[in-house]
C-alpha atoms as a PDB file:
ATOM      1  CA  UNK A   1     171.385  68.635 136.915  1.00  0.00           C
ATOM      2  CA  UNK A   2     173.118  65.963 139.011  1.00  0.00           C
ATOM      3  CA  UNK A   3     172.481  65.281 142.701  1.00  0.00           C
ATOM      4  CA  UNK A   4     175.389  67.450 143.864  1.00  0.00           C
ATOM      5  CA  UNK A   5     174.245  70.534 141.971  1.00  0.00           C
ATOM      6  CA  UNK A   6     170.679  69.865 143.095  1.00  0.00           C
ATOM      7  CA  UNK A   7     171.868  69.974 146.726  1.00  0.00           C
ATOM      8  CA  UNK A   8     173.524  73.362 146.200  1.00  0.00           C
ATOM      9  CA  UNK A   9     170.515  74.776 144.351  1.00  0.00           C
ATOM     10  CA  UNK A  10     168.250  73.681 147.201  1.00  0.00           C
ATOM     11  CA  UNK A  11     170.485  75.467 149.699  1.00  0.00           C
ATOM     12  CA  UNK A  12     170.326  78.679 147.655  1.00  0.00           C
ATOM     13  CA  UNK A  13     166.545  78.481 147.355  1.00  0.00           C
ATOM     14  CA  UNK A  14     166.177  78.062 151.131  1.00  0.00           C
ATOM     15  CA  UNK A  15     168.638  80.748 152.163  1.00  0.00           C
ATOM     16  CA  UNK A  16     168.634  83.492 149.513  1.00  0.00           C
ATOM     17  CA  UNK A  17     165.847  85.516 151.123  1.00  0.00           C
ATOM     18  CA  UNK A  18     167.330  85.252 154.629  1.00  0.00           C
ATOM     19  CA  UNK A  19     170.899  86.299 153.804  1.00  0.00           C
ATOM     20  CA  UNK A  20     171.871  89.973 153.858  1.00  0.00           C
ATOM     21  CA  UNK A  21     173.334  91.552 150.718  1.00  0.00           C
ATOM     22  CA  UNK A  22     176.210  91.848 150.103  1.00  0.00           C
ATOM     23  CA  UNK A  23     176.809  88.380 151.472  1.00  0.00           C
ATOM     24  CA  UNK A  24     178.817  87.994 154.678  1.00  0.00           C
ATOM     25  CA  UNK A  25     180.510  84.723 153.742  1.00  0.00           C
ATOM     26  CA  UNK A  26     182.492  84.585 156.994  1.00  0.00           C
ATOM     27  CA  UNK A  27     179.304  84.774 159.054  1.00  0.00           C
ATOM     28  CA  UNK A  28     177.651  82.185 156.798  1.00  0.00           C
ATOM     29  CA  UNK A  29     180.584  79.807 157.226  1.00  0.00           C
ATOM     30  CA  UNK A  30     180.428  80.254 160.998  1.00  0.00           C
ATOM     31  CA  UNK A  31     176.675  79.569 161.031  1.00  0.00           C
ATOM     32  CA  UNK A  32     177.363  76.266 159.242  1.00  0.00           C
ATOM     33  CA  UNK A  33     179.963  75.287 161.824  1.00  0.00           C
ATOM     34  CA  UNK A  34     183.057  76.097 159.771  1.00  0.00           C
ATOM     35  CA  UNK A  35     185.999  78.323 160.602  1.00  0.00           C
ATOM     36  CA  UNK A  36     188.272  80.238 158.226  1.00  0.00           C
ATOM     37  CA  UNK A  37     192.048  80.148 158.544  1.00  0.00           C
ATOM     38  CA  UNK A  38     194.472  82.298 156.596  1.00  0.00           C
ATOM     39  CA  UNK A  39     197.812  80.697 155.772  1.00  0.00           C
ATOM     40  CA  UNK A  40     200.883  81.575 153.736  1.00  0.00           C
ATOM     41  CA  UNK A  41     200.340  81.020 150.023  1.00  0.00           C
ATOM     42  CA  UNK A  42     203.950  79.867 149.655  1.00  0.00           C
ATOM     43  CA  UNK A  43     203.149  76.567 151.351  1.00  0.00           C
ATOM     44  CA  UNK A  44     199.457  76.288 150.507  1.00  0.00           C
ATOM     45  CA  UNK A  45     198.801  77.746 147.047  1.00  0.00           C
ATOM     46  CA  UNK A  46     195.139  76.694 146.764  1.00  0.00           C
ATOM     47  CA  UNK A  47     192.063  77.212 148.988  1.00  0.00           C
ATOM     48  CA  UNK A  48     190.804  73.944 150.461  1.00  0.00           C
ATOM     49  CA  UNK A  49     188.837  72.265 153.242  1.00  0.00           C
ATOM     50  CA  UNK A  50     190.451  70.554 156.209  1.00  0.00           C
ATOM     51  CA  UNK A  51     188.357  68.185 158.328  1.00  0.00           C
ATOM     52  CA  UNK A  52     189.686  67.337 161.797  1.00  0.00           C
ATOM     53  CA  UNK A  53     187.211  65.227 163.718  1.00  0.00           C
ATOM     54  CA  UNK A  54     184.076  67.310 164.155  1.00  0.00           C
ATOM     55  CA  UNK A  55     185.798  70.534 163.088  1.00  0.00           C
ATOM     56  CA  UNK A  56     186.001  71.687 159.459  1.00  0.00           C
ATOM     57  CA  UNK A  57     188.138  74.609 158.373  1.00  0.00           C
ATOM     58  CA  UNK A  58     188.296  76.588 155.140  1.00  0.00           C
ATOM     59  CA  UNK A  59     191.948  77.335 154.445  1.00  0.00           C
ATOM     60  CA  UNK A  60     192.585  80.538 152.492  1.00  0.00           C
ATOM     61  CA  UNK A  61     196.145  81.117 151.186  1.00  0.00           C
ATOM     62  CA  UNK A  62     197.336  84.733 151.244  1.00  0.00           C
ATOM     63  CA  UNK A  63     200.643  86.421 150.487  1.00  0.00           C
ATOM     64  CA  UNK A  64     200.483  88.195 153.857  1.00  0.00           C
ATOM     65  CA  UNK A  65     197.979  86.364 156.092  1.00  0.00           C
ATOM     66  CA  UNK A  66     196.115  88.798 158.340  1.00  0.00           C
ATOM     67  CA  UNK A  67     192.870  88.904 160.253  1.00  0.00           C
ATOM     68  CA  UNK A  68     191.514  91.753 158.115  1.00  0.00           C
ATOM     69  CA  UNK A  69     188.696  91.736 155.604  1.00  0.00           C
ATOM     70  CA  UNK A  70     188.674  89.116 152.884  1.00  0.00           C
ATOM     71  CA  UNK A  71     189.621  90.257 149.383  1.00  0.00           C
ATOM     72  CA  UNK A  72     187.161  89.858 146.501  1.00  0.00           C
ATOM     73  CA  UNK A  73     189.032  86.744 145.409  1.00  0.00           C
ATOM     74  CA  UNK A  74     189.036  85.324 148.944  1.00  0.00           C
ATOM     75  CA  UNK A  75     185.291  85.905 149.276  1.00  0.00           C
ATOM     76  CA  UNK A  76     184.715  83.865 146.119  1.00  0.00           C
ATOM     77  CA  UNK A  77     187.094  81.155 147.383  1.00  0.00           C
ATOM     78  CA  UNK A  78     185.204  80.892 150.676  1.00  0.00           C
ATOM     79  CA  UNK A  79     181.881  80.646 148.826  1.00  0.00           C
ATOM     80  CA  UNK A  80     183.372  77.991 146.536  1.00  0.00           C
ATOM     81  CA  UNK A  81     184.618  75.917 149.471  1.00  0.00           C
ATOM     82  CA  UNK A  82     181.218  76.262 151.142  1.00  0.00           C
ATOM     83  CA  UNK A  83     179.854  74.518 148.071  1.00  0.00           C
ATOM     84  CA  UNK A  84     182.274  71.622 148.542  1.00  0.00           C
ATOM     85  CA  UNK A  85     181.331  71.445 152.223  1.00  0.00           C
ATOM     86  CA  UNK A  86     177.588  71.334 151.541  1.00  0.00           C
ATOM     87  CA  UNK A  87     178.086  68.515 149.029  1.00  0.00           C
ATOM     88  CA  UNK A  88     180.277  66.634 151.484  1.00  0.00           C
ATOM     89  CA  UNK A  89     177.807  67.116 154.343  1.00  0.00           C
ATOM     90  CA  UNK A  90     174.847  65.955 152.247  1.00  0.00           C
ATOM     91  CA  UNK A  91     176.495  63.085 150.382  1.00  0.00           C
ATOM     92  CA  UNK A  92     179.456  62.126 152.573  1.00  0.00           C
ATOM     93  CA  UNK A  93     182.068  62.579 149.894  1.00  0.00           C
ATOM     94  CA  UNK A  94     184.441  65.026 148.280  1.00  0.00           C
ATOM     95  CA  UNK A  95     185.358  64.853 144.566  1.00  0.00           C
ATOM     96  CA  UNK A  96     187.971  62.393 143.436  1.00  0.00           C
ATOM     97  CA  UNK A  97     190.513  63.035 140.720  1.00  0.00           C
ATOM     98  CA  UNK A  98     190.241  63.627 137.007  1.00  0.00           C
ATOM     99  CA  UNK A  99     186.863  64.301 135.407  1.00  0.00           C
ATOM    100  CA  UNK A 100     184.914  64.184 138.687  1.00  0.00           C
ATOM    101  CA  UNK A 101     187.192  66.783 140.265  1.00  0.00           C
ATOM    102  CA  UNK A 102     186.674  69.277 137.451  1.00  0.00           C
ATOM    103  CA  UNK A 103     182.925  68.658 137.401  1.00  0.00           C
ATOM    104  CA  UNK A 104     182.784  69.566 141.096  1.00  0.00           C
ATOM    105  CA  UNK A 105     184.910  72.658 140.473  1.00  0.00           C
ATOM    106  CA  UNK A 106     182.457  73.883 137.837  1.00  0.00           C
ATOM    107  CA  UNK A 107     179.495  73.196 140.119  1.00  0.00           C
ATOM    108  CA  UNK A 108     181.063  74.978 143.097  1.00  0.00           C
ATOM    109  CA  UNK A 109     182.150  77.944 140.952  1.00  0.00           C
ATOM    110  CA  UNK A 110     178.573  78.301 139.756  1.00  0.00           C
ATOM    111  CA  UNK A 111     177.299  78.001 143.329  1.00  0.00           C
ATOM    112  CA  UNK A 112     179.727  80.667 144.558  1.00  0.00           C
ATOM    113  CA  UNK A 113     178.615  83.088 141.853  1.00  0.00           C
ATOM    114  CA  UNK A 114     174.933  82.549 142.577  1.00  0.00           C
ATOM    115  CA  UNK A 115     175.464  82.867 146.313  1.00  0.00           C
ATOM    116  CA  UNK A 116     177.412  86.132 146.090  1.00  0.00           C
ATOM    117  CA  UNK A 117     175.381  87.681 143.254  1.00  0.00           C
ATOM    118  CA  UNK A 118     171.738  86.629 143.694  1.00  0.00           C
ATOM    119  CA  UNK A 119     169.255  86.875 140.849  1.00  0.00           C
ATOM    120  CA  UNK A 120     167.544  89.849 142.515  1.00  0.00           C
ATOM    121  CA  UNK A 121     170.784  91.869 142.395  1.00  0.00           C
ATOM    122  CA  UNK A 122     171.103  91.337 138.634  1.00  0.00           C
ATOM    123  CA  UNK A 123     167.435  92.169 138.089  1.00  0.00           C
ATOM    124  CA  UNK A 124     167.718  95.431 140.028  1.00  0.00           C
ATOM    125  CA  UNK A 125     170.799  96.468 138.068  1.00  0.00           C
ATOM    126  CA  UNK A 126     169.082  95.467 134.819  1.00  0.00           C
ATOM    127  CA  UNK A 127     166.095  97.663 135.660  1.00  0.00           C
ATOM    128  CA  UNK A 128     168.293 100.685 136.454  1.00  0.00           C
ATOM    129  CA  UNK A 129     170.071 100.445 133.099  1.00  0.00           C
ATOM    130  CA  UNK A 130     166.813 100.294 131.159  1.00  0.00           C
ATOM    131  CA  UNK A 131     167.028 100.788 127.405  1.00  0.00           C
ATOM    132  CA  UNK A 132     170.329 102.680 127.382  1.00  0.00           C
ATOM    133  CA  UNK A 133     172.428  99.837 126.052  1.00  0.00           C
ATOM    134  CA  UNK A 134     175.672 101.840 126.322  1.00  0.00           C
ATOM    135  CA  UNK A 135     175.496 101.411 130.088  1.00  0.00           C
ATOM    136  CA  UNK A 136     175.572  97.640 129.806  1.00  0.00           C
ATOM    137  CA  UNK A 137     179.324  97.640 129.272  1.00  0.00           C
ATOM    138  CA  UNK A 138     180.016  98.895 132.794  1.00  0.00           C
ATOM    139  CA  UNK A 139     177.203  96.971 134.450  1.00  0.00           C
ATOM    140  CA  UNK A 140     179.483  94.184 135.809  1.00  0.00           C
ATOM    141  CA  UNK A 141     181.674  96.840 137.462  1.00  0.00           C
ATOM    142  CA  UNK A 142     178.634  98.335 139.197  1.00  0.00           C
ATOM    143  CA  UNK A 143     177.284  94.946 140.297  1.00  0.00           C
ATOM    144  CA  UNK A 144     180.761  93.897 141.422  1.00  0.00           C
ATOM    145  CA  UNK A 145     181.077  96.928 143.685  1.00  0.00           C
ATOM    146  CA  UNK A 146     177.711  96.259 145.292  1.00  0.00           C
ATOM    147  CA  UNK A 147     178.173  92.496 145.667  1.00  0.00           C
ATOM    148  CA  UNK A 148     181.879  92.698 146.597  1.00  0.00           C
ATOM    149  CA  UNK A 149     182.921  90.399 143.768  1.00  0.00           C
ATOM    150  CA  UNK A 150     185.210  90.831 140.779  1.00  0.00           C
ATOM    151  CA  UNK A 151     183.792  92.283 137.533  1.00  0.00           C
ATOM    152  CA  UNK A 152     184.402  88.872 135.930  1.00  0.00           C
ATOM    153  CA  UNK A 153     182.131  87.125 138.444  1.00  0.00           C
ATOM    154  CA  UNK A 154     179.506  89.858 138.047  1.00  0.00           C
ATOM    155  CA  UNK A 155     179.699  89.570 134.244  1.00  0.00           C
ATOM    156  CA  UNK A 156     179.178  85.814 134.379  1.00  0.00           C
ATOM    157  CA  UNK A 157     176.160  86.206 136.632  1.00  0.00           C
ATOM    158  CA  UNK A 158     174.701  88.927 134.417  1.00  0.00           C
ATOM    159  CA  UNK A 159     175.006  86.684 131.369  1.00  0.00           C
ATOM    160  CA  UNK A 160     173.607  83.715 133.262  1.00  0.00           C
ATOM    161  CA  UNK A 161     170.531  85.504 134.575  1.00  0.00           C
ATOM    162  CA  UNK A 162     169.635  87.643 131.560  1.00  0.00           C
ATOM    163  CA  UNK A 163     170.437  85.101 128.859  1.00  0.00           C
ATOM    164  CA  UNK A 164     170.954  88.064 126.524  1.00  0.00           C
ATOM    165  CA  UNK A 165     174.325  89.633 127.290  1.00  0.00           C
ATOM    166  CA  UNK A 166     177.752  88.283 126.418  1.00  0.00           C
ATOM    167  CA  UNK A 167     180.827  90.024 127.844  1.00  0.00           C
ATOM    168  CA  UNK A 168     184.223  89.751 126.206  1.00  0.00           C
ATOM    169  CA  UNK A 169     187.653  91.294 126.740  1.00  0.00           C
ATOM    170  CA  UNK A 170     191.029  90.888 125.052  1.00  0.00           C
ATOM    171  CA  UNK A 171     194.512  92.410 125.000  1.00  0.00           C
ATOM    172  CA  UNK A 172     196.788  93.009 122.029  1.00  0.00           C
ATOM    173  CA  UNK A 173     200.074  91.231 122.706  1.00  0.00           C
ATOM    174  CA  UNK A 174     202.610  88.812 121.225  1.00  0.00           C
ATOM    175  CA  UNK A 175     202.401  85.047 121.333  1.00  0.00           C
ATOM    176  CA  UNK A 176     205.279  82.651 122.040  1.00  0.00           C
ATOM    177  CA  UNK A 177     206.535  83.053 118.458  1.00  0.00           C
ATOM    178  CA  UNK A 178     206.575  86.833 118.678  1.00  0.00           C
ATOM    179  CA  UNK A 179     203.532  87.358 116.442  1.00  0.00           C
ATOM    180  CA  UNK A 180     200.948  90.000 117.289  1.00  0.00           C
ATOM    181  CA  UNK A 181     197.669  88.505 118.494  1.00  0.00           C
ATOM    182  CA  UNK A 182     194.591  89.444 120.468  1.00  0.00           C
ATOM    183  CA  UNK A 183     194.613  87.247 123.575  1.00  0.00           C
ATOM    184  CA  UNK A 184     191.138  86.700 125.002  1.00  0.00           C
ATOM    185  CA  UNK A 185     191.305  87.511 128.715  1.00  0.00           C
ATOM    186  CA  UNK A 186     187.713  86.793 129.661  1.00  0.00           C
ATOM    187  CA  UNK A 187     184.497  85.647 128.068  1.00  0.00           C
ATOM    188  CA  UNK A 188     181.086  84.783 129.489  1.00  0.00           C
ATOM    189  CA  UNK A 189     179.975  82.819 126.449  1.00  0.00           C
ATOM    190  CA  UNK A 190     178.980  79.416 127.776  1.00  0.00           C
ATOM    191  CA  UNK A 191     178.207  76.371 125.647  1.00  0.00           C
ATOM    192  CA  UNK A 192     177.494  73.066 127.348  1.00  0.00           C
ATOM    193  CA  UNK A 193     179.750  72.337 130.312  1.00  0.00           C
ATOM    194  CA  UNK A 194     182.619  74.526 129.120  1.00  0.00           C
ATOM    195  CA  UNK A 195     183.180  77.702 131.071  1.00  0.00           C
ATOM    196  CA  UNK A 196     184.299  81.024 129.632  1.00  0.00           C
ATOM    197  CA  UNK A 197     184.557  79.591 126.128  1.00  0.00           C
ATOM    198  CA  UNK A 198     187.302  81.337 124.216  1.00  0.00           C
ATOM    199  CA  UNK A 199     189.209  82.601 127.252  1.00  0.00           C
ATOM    200  CA  UNK A 200     192.975  82.584 126.641  1.00  0.00           C
ATOM    201  CA  UNK A 201     192.469  81.873 122.953  1.00  0.00           C
ATOM    202  CA  UNK A 202     194.746  83.784 120.580  1.00  0.00           C
ATOM    203  CA  UNK A 203     193.077  85.636 117.704  1.00  0.00           C
ATOM    204  CA  UNK A 204     195.531  86.437 114.932  1.00  0.00           C
ATOM    205  CA  UNK A 205     195.627  90.013 113.694  1.00  0.00           C
ATOM    206  CA  UNK A 206     194.656  88.984 110.157  1.00  0.00           C
ATOM    207  CA  UNK A 207     191.714  86.809 111.213  1.00  0.00           C
ATOM    208  CA  UNK A 208     188.186  88.250 110.696  1.00  0.00           C
ATOM    209  CA  UNK A 209     187.649  88.702 114.435  1.00  0.00           C
ATOM    210  CA  UNK A 210     191.187  90.030 114.908  1.00  0.00           C
ATOM    211  CA  UNK A 211     190.649  92.601 112.160  1.00  0.00           C
ATOM    212  CA  UNK A 212     187.340  93.597 113.756  1.00  0.00           C
ATOM    213  CA  UNK A 213     189.100  94.230 117.078  1.00  0.00           C
ATOM    214  CA  UNK A 214     191.845  96.175 115.289  1.00  0.00           C
ATOM    215  CA  UNK A 215     189.323  98.519 113.706  1.00  0.00           C
ATOM    216  CA  UNK A 216     187.465  99.387 116.898  1.00  0.00           C
ATOM    217  CA  UNK A 217     187.673 103.128 117.664  1.00  0.00           C
ATOM    218  CA  UNK A 218     189.401 104.244 120.845  1.00  0.00           C
ATOM    219  CA  UNK A 219     186.140 105.457 122.378  1.00  0.00           C
ATOM    220  CA  UNK A 220     182.960 103.710 123.340  1.00  0.00           C
ATOM    221  CA  UNK A 221     180.849 102.781 120.342  1.00  0.00           C
ATOM    222  CA  UNK A 222     177.420 101.193 119.984  1.00  0.00           C
ATOM    223  CA  UNK A 223     176.560  99.492 116.712  1.00  0.00           C
ATOM    224  CA  UNK A 224     174.553  96.662 115.150  1.00  0.00           C
ATOM    225  CA  UNK A 225     176.255  93.897 113.187  1.00  0.00           C
ATOM    226  CA  UNK A 226     174.865  90.797 111.520  1.00  0.00           C
ATOM    227  CA  UNK A 227     177.186  88.078 112.812  1.00  0.00           C
ATOM    228  CA  UNK A 228     180.190  88.089 115.134  1.00  0.00           C
ATOM    229  CA  UNK A 229     182.278  84.930 114.897  1.00  0.00           C
ATOM    230  CA  UNK A 230     184.392  83.884 117.864  1.00  0.00           C
ATOM    231  CA  UNK A 231     186.558  80.812 118.573  1.00  0.00           C
ATOM    232  CA  UNK A 232     183.701  78.632 119.836  1.00  0.00           C
ATOM    233  CA  UNK A 233     180.467  80.283 118.764  1.00  0.00           C
ATOM    234  CA  UNK A 234     178.740  82.689 116.416  1.00  0.00           C
ATOM    235  CA  UNK A 235     176.608  85.501 117.785  1.00  0.00           C
ATOM    236  CA  UNK A 236     173.899  86.259 115.233  1.00  0.00           C
ATOM    237  CA  UNK A 237     172.122  89.569 114.883  1.00  0.00           C
ATOM    238  CA  UNK A 238     174.309  91.096 117.575  1.00  0.00           C
ATOM    239  CA  UNK A 239     174.051  94.625 118.924  1.00  0.00           C
ATOM    240  CA  UNK A 240     177.501  95.544 120.217  1.00  0.00           C
ATOM    241  CA  UNK A 241     178.732  98.020 122.799  1.00  0.00           C
ATOM    242  CA  UNK A 242     182.503  98.190 122.603  1.00  0.00           C
ATOM    243  CA  UNK A 243     185.408 100.185 123.969  1.00  0.00           C
ATOM    244  CA  UNK A 244     189.092 100.123 123.068  1.00  0.00           C
ATOM    245  CA  UNK A 245     191.684 101.650 125.365  1.00  0.00           C
ATOM    246  CA  UNK A 246     195.191 101.299 123.985  1.00  0.00           C
ATOM    247  CA  UNK A 247     195.919  97.569 123.653  1.00  0.00           C
ATOM    248  CA  UNK A 248     192.850  96.502 125.616  1.00  0.00           C
ATOM    249  CA  UNK A 249     189.383  95.848 124.234  1.00  0.00           C
ATOM    250  CA  UNK A 250     186.147  94.977 125.956  1.00  0.00           C
ATOM    251  CA  UNK A 251     182.669  94.663 124.551  1.00  0.00           C
ATOM    252  CA  UNK A 252     179.299  93.099 125.154  1.00  0.00           C
ATOM    253  CA  UNK A 253     176.257  92.148 123.132  1.00  0.00           C
ATOM    254  CA  UNK A 254     173.071  93.787 124.311  1.00  0.00           C
ATOM    255  CA  UNK A 255     170.321  92.335 122.110  1.00  0.00           C
ATOM    256  CA  UNK A 256     169.114  88.771 121.908  1.00  0.00           C
ATOM    257  CA  UNK A 257     171.436  86.353 120.113  1.00  0.00           C
ATOM    258  CA  UNK A 258     171.886  82.724 119.192  1.00  0.00           C
ATOM    259  CA  UNK A 259     174.993  80.799 120.218  1.00  0.00           C
ATOM    260  CA  UNK A 260     176.125  78.210 117.718  1.00  0.00           C
ATOM    261  CA  UNK A 261     179.181  76.012 118.084  1.00  0.00           C
ATOM    262  CA  UNK A 262     181.747  76.352 115.320  1.00  0.00           C
ATOM    263  CA  UNK A 263     183.860  73.347 114.448  1.00  0.00           C
ATOM    264  CA  UNK A 264     187.570  73.959 114.676  1.00  0.00           C
ATOM    265  CA  UNK A 265     189.451  73.460 111.454  1.00  0.00           C
ATOM    266  CA  UNK A 266     191.777  70.475 111.259  1.00  0.00           C
END
């Protein structure tokens, strides 16, 4: 853990018990001396901080800027920018370009997720599900509704806190050459500093994992398999809960598993 991430973790430890749930990120920003401004996304495509003397503003691009409630995506963006602000306030600097920029993005994404979906929220949801592993598949949707975050953010936090569940989704489509593939749309498998390992990868229909996805029934199924090989890791001794709906597939592992990196073939 570097000094920037340590600063954000310290903030979470100090404030988690005092912040209401779901998090009011606008009120939190105001309490830290920041304001939030909505602007047209045509001119400002990315959320960012603007410092003007003693005033700091979080700029949120929107297709139709209004003074209404923030969307789920905007809430995450505000939380992310709060991370940048806390690092800047503590260390007097914002990330530069290249590698440092992306390192800060990863750190602030992780901070935003932990701020919006605290550990206690995952633990409570975990307890409600109990031993009925079939319910794990929809757990991120339930947490997302309560925390006012997207299912993807909730899935990442569930995987992070439990250390036992890996969520995955893919769609059956065609690649640039017109060949049928399963395109990975989201994945919470995390190895090292890489986020959502496997996301946007294309699994060919005739590959072992592509064939496995092809054979999934069109209803929810719970089963045990020995090994499930994915683009960047192997899940060993996996218990799977899966659901296929037309050309979309989503599944999660529910039992303990070991993540092992798999070398890409030359």
